Each structure stands twice: as C-alpha cells, then as structure tokens.
C-alpha cells in the first residue's frame, strides 16, 4: 500500500473533520442551549402571534445588542417561547336598548312613575328634560339605565304609565368584538412582560431607551383596550331605555274656537300695554335729559340776542 503524501493526508483529515462538524456539530460544539433557542425562534416565526409578541425589538435585532455574553443562551429562549392557547368559550355579549313614546295625562305624574319603576328595577336615571309645548301642553324625555336581567319586566311596567304610541327594542351583539379585545389584551400583556425581561437585560442607555419606548407603546394599547372593554361591560350590564312622553290634549284646547273674541281682546290689551310701556320709557328718557335740553335752549336764546344787539350797533 502506497504511503499517503502529506498534502493528501491533510486534505483527507480536513474533509473528515468537516463531515464530523456537519453531522455532530449541534451536540458536540454548540450544546443543547442553541438548539433550544433555534427551535423556539422557529416556533415564534411560525406563530400567528409573532408580530404582536416579539414586536419591533426583534425585527430591529435589538436582542443582539442586549444579550449578555456571560448568560447561557437557553435563558433567553424561555423569554421567546409562546404557548398555544386552548380556545375559550364566551357567553353571548348583548347590548339591549329600548325606546317608547307615551301619551300621558300629566308629565309630572308620569315622570314620578318612571323614577319609581326604575328604582324598583335596581336602575337609575341617566337624564331627563321637560319643555313647554303650544296650548300649554308639555313634553318630557327621560333616559333610564336598567340591569339587563330586569329589562323585560321594567319595560312592561313603563308601558303601563301611559298609552304607548311607539315602541322600539333592539339588541346589539358585541361578542366578536369582546372576544377580540380579550385576546388582544392577553397578547399585549405577554408582550409587556417580555419587554420587562429584556429591560432587565439591557446594558446600554440606548438599549434601555429603545425598550422603554416599546413598553410605552404596548402599555398605551393596553389602556385603550381596557377602556373599550370597560365601556362594553357597562353597556352590557345595564340596558338603556328612552321614554318620550307628551301630555294628552285637553277637550277645551281641542275644540275649535268659532269667534276668537277672547283672544282678540287679549291681543288688543297686550298691544295697548306695550304701547303705554314704550311711551312711559320715552318720557323717562326725556326727563333724564331735560336739564341738558333746557340748557341748550337757553344758550341758543342768549346767542341770538347777542347777535341782534351787535347788528344794531353796526
């Protein structure tokens, strides 16, 4: 058997070593930590939550500058892990609203009856208003908030206060929006927790400011989502009923007036009083300014006499 030349031997050893590195490298040289983080990063990239959970720092390679060289790589893999959630069942989220128009005999009594019915149902008055209408009639509007469980019973009680001329009941299903908010809040809070972990690892002022900027953005989105969720919770828990009421026209006002003599006399008397008031105001103004008018009149007389005497002398 021929002896291998030194150059051929070196090439053969290099090729065998390269094969060994390719086959056994992850276990012999890099260790289990690198394999773990590689698998976690692949899971994160394939996850539907990647854009929300990892955020801008990963896309900007901020982790590369923050990771401490003295800390095992496997410690960072845990921060990037993302567990798949099991589907959560939700009850239907319905916002109930109602609106009725009532013809009543007395607005004041009807308002009192509405308030009493609302208190019995465990609700409260949101707003109310009363205004005068032509022919001494009144119009009133009141908005009440009723627990959703007592909505049907309270609406039936309110309809008994007067004659119902219009009724409208509606239910808005906000289940999909509510579920979306819940899911978004969970993802945002996970993202916040990961940024806090990264903030603890940050070494330079630049990295700290960059992470804090992302934390501010995430926390702002959390506050917005929580505010919307609280608003929906309030609308779902308390139904809204709007009651419009107007007084029934009296027989006297409904009867047509044949001659209208009384109205004509009232209008004539009102016109006379208005004219008398105008004349009285004019006399008051004249009395106030009369000294000045008299003074101007006297000065004009004196001035004419002086000019007349001067003309005679000439």
Protein backbone atom coordinates (compact mmCIF):
# COMPACT_ATOMS: atom_id res chain seq x y z
CA UNK A 1 0.00 0.00 0.00
CA UNK A 2 1.34 3.37 -1.01
CA UNK A 3 2.01 5.94 1.65
CA UNK A 4 -0.14 9.00 1.54
CA UNK A 5 1.59 12.22 0.73
CA UNK A 6 1.44 14.89 3.48
CA UNK A 7 -0.75 17.19 1.42
CA UNK A 8 -3.22 14.41 0.58
CA UNK A 9 -3.33 13.37 4.24
CA UNK A 10 -4.10 16.91 5.36
CA UNK A 11 -6.93 17.25 2.82
CA UNK A 12 -8.43 13.91 3.90
CA UNK A 13 -8.32 14.89 7.58
CA UNK A 14 -9.93 18.27 6.77
CA UNK A 15 -12.76 16.61 4.83
CA UNK A 16 -13.43 14.08 7.62
CA UNK A 17 -13.40 16.88 10.19
CA UNK A 18 -15.84 18.94 8.13
CA UNK A 19 -18.21 15.96 7.89
CA UNK A 20 -17.99 15.45 11.66
CA UNK A 21 -18.82 19.13 12.29
CA UNK A 22 -21.84 18.98 9.98
CA UNK A 23 -23.21 15.75 11.49
CA UNK A 24 -22.30 16.15 15.17
CA UNK A 25 -21.76 19.91 15.50
CA UNK A 26 -25.00 20.93 17.29
CA UNK A 27 -24.33 18.30 20.02
CA UNK A 28 -20.56 18.44 20.37
CA UNK A 29 -19.71 22.12 19.94
CA UNK A 30 -22.78 24.30 20.42
CA UNK A 31 -24.74 22.30 23.00
CA UNK A 32 -28.38 21.96 23.78
CA UNK A 33 -28.94 25.67 24.51
CA UNK A 34 -28.51 26.78 20.91
CA UNK A 35 -30.78 24.06 19.66
CA UNK A 36 -33.41 25.12 22.12
CA UNK A 37 -33.43 28.80 21.15
CA UNK A 38 -33.35 27.89 17.45
CA UNK A 39 -36.43 25.77 17.89
CA UNK A 40 -38.15 28.48 19.92
CA UNK A 41 -37.41 31.14 17.33
CA UNK A 42 -38.77 28.89 14.60
CA UNK A 43 -41.94 28.37 16.63
CA UNK A 44 -42.27 32.11 17.14
CA UNK A 45 -41.83 32.82 13.45
CA UNK A 46 -44.47 30.26 12.56
CA UNK A 47 -46.86 31.50 15.22
CA UNK A 48 -49.74 33.78 14.35
CA UNK A 49 -48.77 35.96 17.32
CA UNK A 50 -45.24 36.77 16.10
CA UNK A 51 -45.89 40.40 15.19
CA UNK A 52 -47.64 41.15 18.48
CA UNK A 53 -45.45 39.18 20.90
CA UNK A 54 -41.95 39.80 19.64
CA UNK A 55 -42.51 43.36 18.43
CA UNK A 56 -40.11 45.83 16.93
CA UNK A 57 -37.03 44.94 19.08
CA UNK A 58 -36.68 41.50 17.43
CA UNK A 59 -37.22 42.92 13.96
CA UNK A 60 -34.62 45.59 14.73
CA UNK A 61 -32.21 42.96 16.13
CA UNK A 62 -32.21 44.73 19.47
CA UNK A 63 -31.70 41.41 21.24
CA UNK A 64 -28.29 41.02 19.62
CA UNK A 65 -27.01 44.08 21.47
CA UNK A 66 -28.74 43.35 24.77
CA UNK A 67 -27.91 39.67 25.34
CA UNK A 68 -25.20 39.27 27.93
CA UNK A 69 -22.35 37.13 26.69
CA UNK A 70 -21.94 35.59 30.17
CA UNK A 71 -25.52 34.33 30.35
CA UNK A 72 -26.46 30.99 28.86
CA UNK A 73 -28.31 31.21 25.57
CA UNK A 74 -31.00 28.89 26.89
CA UNK A 75 -32.05 31.56 29.44
CA UNK A 76 -33.18 33.82 26.59
CA UNK A 77 -35.02 31.08 24.79
CA UNK A 78 -37.56 30.94 27.58
CA UNK A 79 -38.37 34.61 27.05
CA UNK A 80 -39.25 33.99 23.42
CA UNK A 81 -41.35 30.88 23.97
CA UNK A 82 -45.00 31.08 23.09
CA UNK A 83 -47.57 28.61 24.26
CA UNK A 84 -50.54 27.82 22.12
CA UNK A 85 -53.79 28.65 23.89
CA UNK A 86 -56.77 26.43 24.02
CA UNK A 87 -59.96 28.02 22.68
CA UNK A 88 -62.04 29.79 25.35
CA UNK A 89 -65.81 29.75 25.29
CA UNK A 90 -67.68 33.04 25.84
CA UNK A 91 -71.27 33.83 26.67
CA UNK A 92 -73.07 36.00 24.19
CA UNK A 93 -72.47 39.69 24.87
CA UNK A 94 -75.65 41.62 24.02
CA UNK A 95 -76.29 45.35 24.46
CA UNK A 96 -80.02 45.89 24.93
CA UNK A 97 -81.73 49.18 24.19
CA UNK A 98 -85.36 50.24 24.16
CA UNK A 99 -87.35 53.34 23.26
CA UNK A 100 -91.04 54.05 23.83
CA UNK A 101 -93.34 57.04 23.31
CA UNK A 102 -96.20 57.53 25.75
CA UNK A 103 -99.26 59.73 25.76
CA UNK A 104 -99.91 60.73 29.38
CA UNK A 105 -102.33 62.95 31.26
CA UNK A 106 -99.69 64.68 33.40
CA UNK A 107 -95.98 64.88 32.67
CA UNK A 108 -95.12 65.41 36.34
CA UNK A 109 -97.00 62.31 37.48
CA UNK A 110 -95.60 60.25 34.62
CA UNK A 111 -92.04 61.31 35.47
CA UNK A 112 -92.57 60.30 39.09
CA UNK A 113 -93.95 56.90 37.99
CA UNK A 114 -90.92 56.31 35.73
CA UNK A 115 -88.50 57.11 38.55
CA UNK A 116 -90.35 54.78 40.92
CA UNK A 117 -90.33 51.91 38.40
CA UNK A 118 -86.62 52.48 37.70
CA UNK A 119 -85.71 52.36 41.39
CA UNK A 120 -87.68 49.14 41.89
CA UNK A 121 -85.81 47.54 38.98
CA UNK A 122 -82.46 48.47 40.53
CA UNK A 123 -81.60 51.08 37.90
CA UNK A 124 -81.03 54.81 37.84
CA UNK A 125 -81.99 57.92 35.87
CA UNK A 126 -79.45 58.83 33.21
CA UNK A 127 -81.02 62.13 32.11
CA UNK A 128 -84.40 63.86 31.96
CA UNK A 129 -85.93 67.02 30.49
CA UNK A 130 -89.32 68.75 30.32
CA UNK A 131 -90.35 71.52 27.94
CA UNK A 132 -93.48 73.53 27.23
CA UNK A 133 -95.43 72.92 24.04
CA UNK A 134 -98.11 75.09 22.33
CA UNK A 135 -101.54 75.31 24.03
CA UNK A 136 -99.96 74.78 27.48
CA UNK A 137 -99.04 71.15 26.73
CA UNK A 138 -95.76 69.68 27.99
CA UNK A 139 -93.25 67.28 26.51
CA UNK A 140 -90.85 65.21 28.57
CA UNK A 141 -87.98 62.84 27.85
CA UNK A 142 -86.18 60.59 30.31
CA UNK A 143 -83.37 58.05 29.84
CA UNK A 144 -83.03 55.24 32.38
CA UNK A 145 -80.39 52.53 32.88
CA UNK A 146 -81.76 49.17 33.96
CA UNK A 147 -79.90 45.92 34.81
CA UNK A 148 -80.14 43.69 31.76
CA UNK A 149 -81.77 40.90 33.78
CA UNK A 150 -84.65 43.25 34.69
CA UNK A 151 -85.02 44.77 31.21
CA UNK A 152 -88.20 42.98 30.08
CA UNK A 153 -90.04 43.44 33.37
CA UNK A 154 -89.10 47.12 33.65
CA UNK A 155 -90.16 47.79 30.06
CA UNK A 156 -93.57 46.22 30.70
CA UNK A 157 -94.03 48.37 33.81
CA UNK A 158 -93.05 51.55 31.99
CA UNK A 159 -95.50 50.90 29.17
CA UNK A 160 -98.37 50.90 31.70
CA UNK A 161 -97.70 54.53 32.66
CA UNK A 162 -99.46 55.86 29.55
CA UNK A 163 -100.76 54.94 26.14
CA UNK A 164 -97.94 53.55 24.01
CA UNK A 165 -97.77 55.27 20.62
CA UNK A 166 -94.35 53.98 19.59
CA UNK A 167 -92.06 51.19 20.76
CA UNK A 168 -88.63 50.02 19.63
CA UNK A 169 -86.45 47.32 21.21
CA UNK A 170 -83.03 46.35 19.88
CA UNK A 171 -80.16 44.07 20.82
CA UNK A 172 -76.61 44.57 19.56
CA UNK A 173 -74.37 41.51 19.61
CA UNK A 174 -70.81 42.58 20.54
CA UNK A 175 -69.49 39.10 21.32
CA UNK A 176 -66.98 39.11 18.47
CA UNK A 177 -65.56 42.50 19.45
CA UNK A 178 -65.39 41.48 23.11
CA UNK A 179 -63.52 38.26 22.31
CA UNK A 180 -61.09 40.18 20.10
CA UNK A 181 -60.39 42.63 22.93
CA UNK A 182 -59.82 39.78 25.41
CA UNK A 183 -57.37 38.08 23.06
CA UNK A 184 -55.59 41.33 22.27
CA UNK A 185 -55.20 42.15 25.97
CA UNK A 186 -53.67 38.75 26.71
CA UNK A 187 -51.17 39.16 23.88
CA UNK A 188 -50.31 42.72 24.85
CA UNK A 189 -49.70 41.75 28.49
CA UNK A 190 -47.39 38.93 27.39
CA UNK A 191 -45.55 41.36 25.17
CA UNK A 192 -45.25 43.77 28.09
CA UNK A 193 -43.81 41.02 30.30
CA UNK A 194 -41.22 40.11 27.66
CA UNK A 195 -40.15 43.71 27.23
CA UNK A 196 -39.73 43.97 31.01
CA UNK A 197 -37.45 40.92 30.92
CA UNK A 198 -35.46 42.46 28.09
CA UNK A 199 -35.25 45.73 30.02
CA UNK A 200 -33.59 43.89 32.89
CA UNK A 201 -31.01 42.52 30.44
CA UNK A 202 -30.28 45.87 28.80
CA UNK A 203 -26.75 47.18 29.37
CA UNK A 204 -26.55 50.48 27.49
CA UNK A 205 -28.63 53.65 27.70
CA UNK A 206 -29.55 53.33 24.03
CA UNK A 207 -30.97 49.84 24.54
CA UNK A 208 -32.86 50.91 27.68
CA UNK A 209 -34.48 53.86 25.88
CA UNK A 210 -35.43 51.67 22.92
CA UNK A 211 -37.11 49.07 25.15
CA UNK A 212 -38.88 51.73 27.22
CA UNK A 213 -40.26 53.26 24.03
CA UNK A 214 -41.77 49.92 23.06
CA UNK A 215 -43.09 49.45 26.61
CA UNK A 216 -44.84 52.83 26.40
CA UNK A 217 -46.47 51.85 23.11
CA UNK A 218 -47.66 48.49 24.48
CA UNK A 219 -49.00 50.00 27.70
CA UNK A 220 -50.87 52.66 25.73
CA UNK A 221 -52.55 49.95 23.67
CA UNK A 222 -53.39 48.05 26.86
CA UNK A 223 -55.07 51.13 28.37
CA UNK A 224 -57.06 51.72 25.18
CA UNK A 225 -58.25 48.11 25.03
CA UNK A 226 -59.13 48.05 28.74
CA UNK A 227 -61.10 51.29 28.38
CA UNK A 228 -63.12 49.86 25.50
CA UNK A 229 -63.70 46.66 27.46
CA UNK A 230 -65.00 48.57 30.50
CA UNK A 231 -67.32 50.58 28.26
CA UNK A 232 -68.75 47.39 26.73
CA UNK A 233 -69.10 45.80 30.18
CA UNK A 234 -71.15 48.80 31.34
CA UNK A 235 -73.38 48.79 28.25
CA UNK A 236 -73.90 45.04 28.52
CA UNK A 237 -74.67 45.00 32.24
CA UNK A 238 -77.06 47.98 32.11
CA UNK A 239 -79.67 48.25 29.37
CA UNK A 240 -80.80 51.69 28.19
CA UNK A 241 -84.46 52.69 27.86
CA UNK A 242 -85.52 56.07 26.48
CA UNK A 243 -89.07 57.24 27.33
CA UNK A 244 -90.59 60.14 25.41
CA UNK A 245 -93.83 61.48 26.93
CA UNK A 246 -96.30 64.11 25.83
CA UNK A 247 -99.49 65.26 27.51
CA UNK A 248 -102.85 64.36 26.06
CA UNK A 249 -104.59 67.40 24.55
CA UNK A 250 -107.46 68.64 26.72
CA UNK A 251 -111.02 68.86 25.40
CA UNK A 252 -111.11 72.64 25.72
CA UNK A 253 -107.94 73.11 23.70
CA UNK A 254 -109.04 70.54 21.12
CA UNK A 255 -112.39 72.28 20.49
CA UNK A 256 -112.15 74.80 17.61
CA UNK A 257 -112.89 78.42 18.55
CA UNK A 258 -115.61 79.89 16.36
CA UNK A 259 -115.25 83.63 17.04
CA UNK A 260 -111.99 84.08 18.90
CA UNK A 261 -113.25 87.25 20.66
CA UNK A 262 -111.40 86.47 23.86
CA UNK A 263 -108.12 86.00 22.02
CA UNK A 264 -108.64 89.28 20.13
CA UNK A 265 -109.27 91.16 23.36
CA UNK A 266 -106.16 89.66 24.90
CA UNK A 267 -104.07 90.67 21.91
CA UNK A 268 -105.52 94.22 21.90
CA UNK A 269 -104.88 94.63 25.62
CA UNK A 270 -101.35 93.31 25.22
CA UNK A 271 -100.73 95.80 22.36
CA UNK A 272 -102.10 98.71 24.45
CA UNK A 273 -99.89 97.82 27.39
CA UNK A 274 -96.88 97.52 25.10
CA UNK A 275 -97.60 100.98 23.61
CA UNK A 276 -98.09 102.53 27.05
CA UNK A 277 -94.81 100.98 28.21
CA UNK A 278 -92.99 102.44 25.21
CA UNK A 279 -94.42 105.96 25.85
CA UNK A 280 -93.51 105.72 29.54
CA UNK A 281 -89.95 104.77 28.71
CA UNK A 282 -89.73 107.72 26.29
CA UNK A 283 -90.93 110.15 28.98
CA UNK A 284 -88.35 108.79 31.40
CA UNK A 285 -85.59 109.40 28.85
CA UNK A 286 -86.88 112.96 28.26
CA UNK A 287 -86.99 113.66 31.99
CA UNK A 288 -83.42 112.47 32.44
CA UNK A 289 -82.07 114.59 29.58
CA UNK A 290 -84.40 117.65 30.12
CA UNK A 291 -81.77 119.76 32.03
CA UNK A 292 -79.39 119.41 29.14
CA UNK A 293 -82.14 120.26 26.63
CA UNK A 294 -83.13 123.36 28.65
CA UNK A 295 -79.52 124.49 28.90
CA UNK A 296 -79.05 124.17 25.15
CA UNK A 297 -82.29 126.12 24.57
CA UNK A 298 -81.19 128.98 26.87
CA UNK A 299 -77.78 129.18 25.25
CA UNK A 300 -79.39 129.44 21.84
CA UNK A 301 -81.64 132.32 23.02
CA UNK A 302 -78.69 134.19 24.53
CA UNK A 303 -76.68 133.70 21.39
CA UNK A 304 -79.48 135.12 19.17
CA UNK A 305 -79.96 138.21 21.39
CA UNK A 306 -76.23 138.88 21.43
CA UNK A 307 -76.05 138.73 17.65
CA UNK A 308 -79.08 141.03 17.35
CA UNK A 309 -77.57 143.71 19.62
CA UNK A 310 -74.30 143.55 17.76
CA UNK A 311 -76.11 144.05 14.46
CA UNK A 312 -77.91 147.21 15.76
CA UNK A 313 -74.64 148.83 16.89
CA UNK A 314 -73.16 148.40 13.48
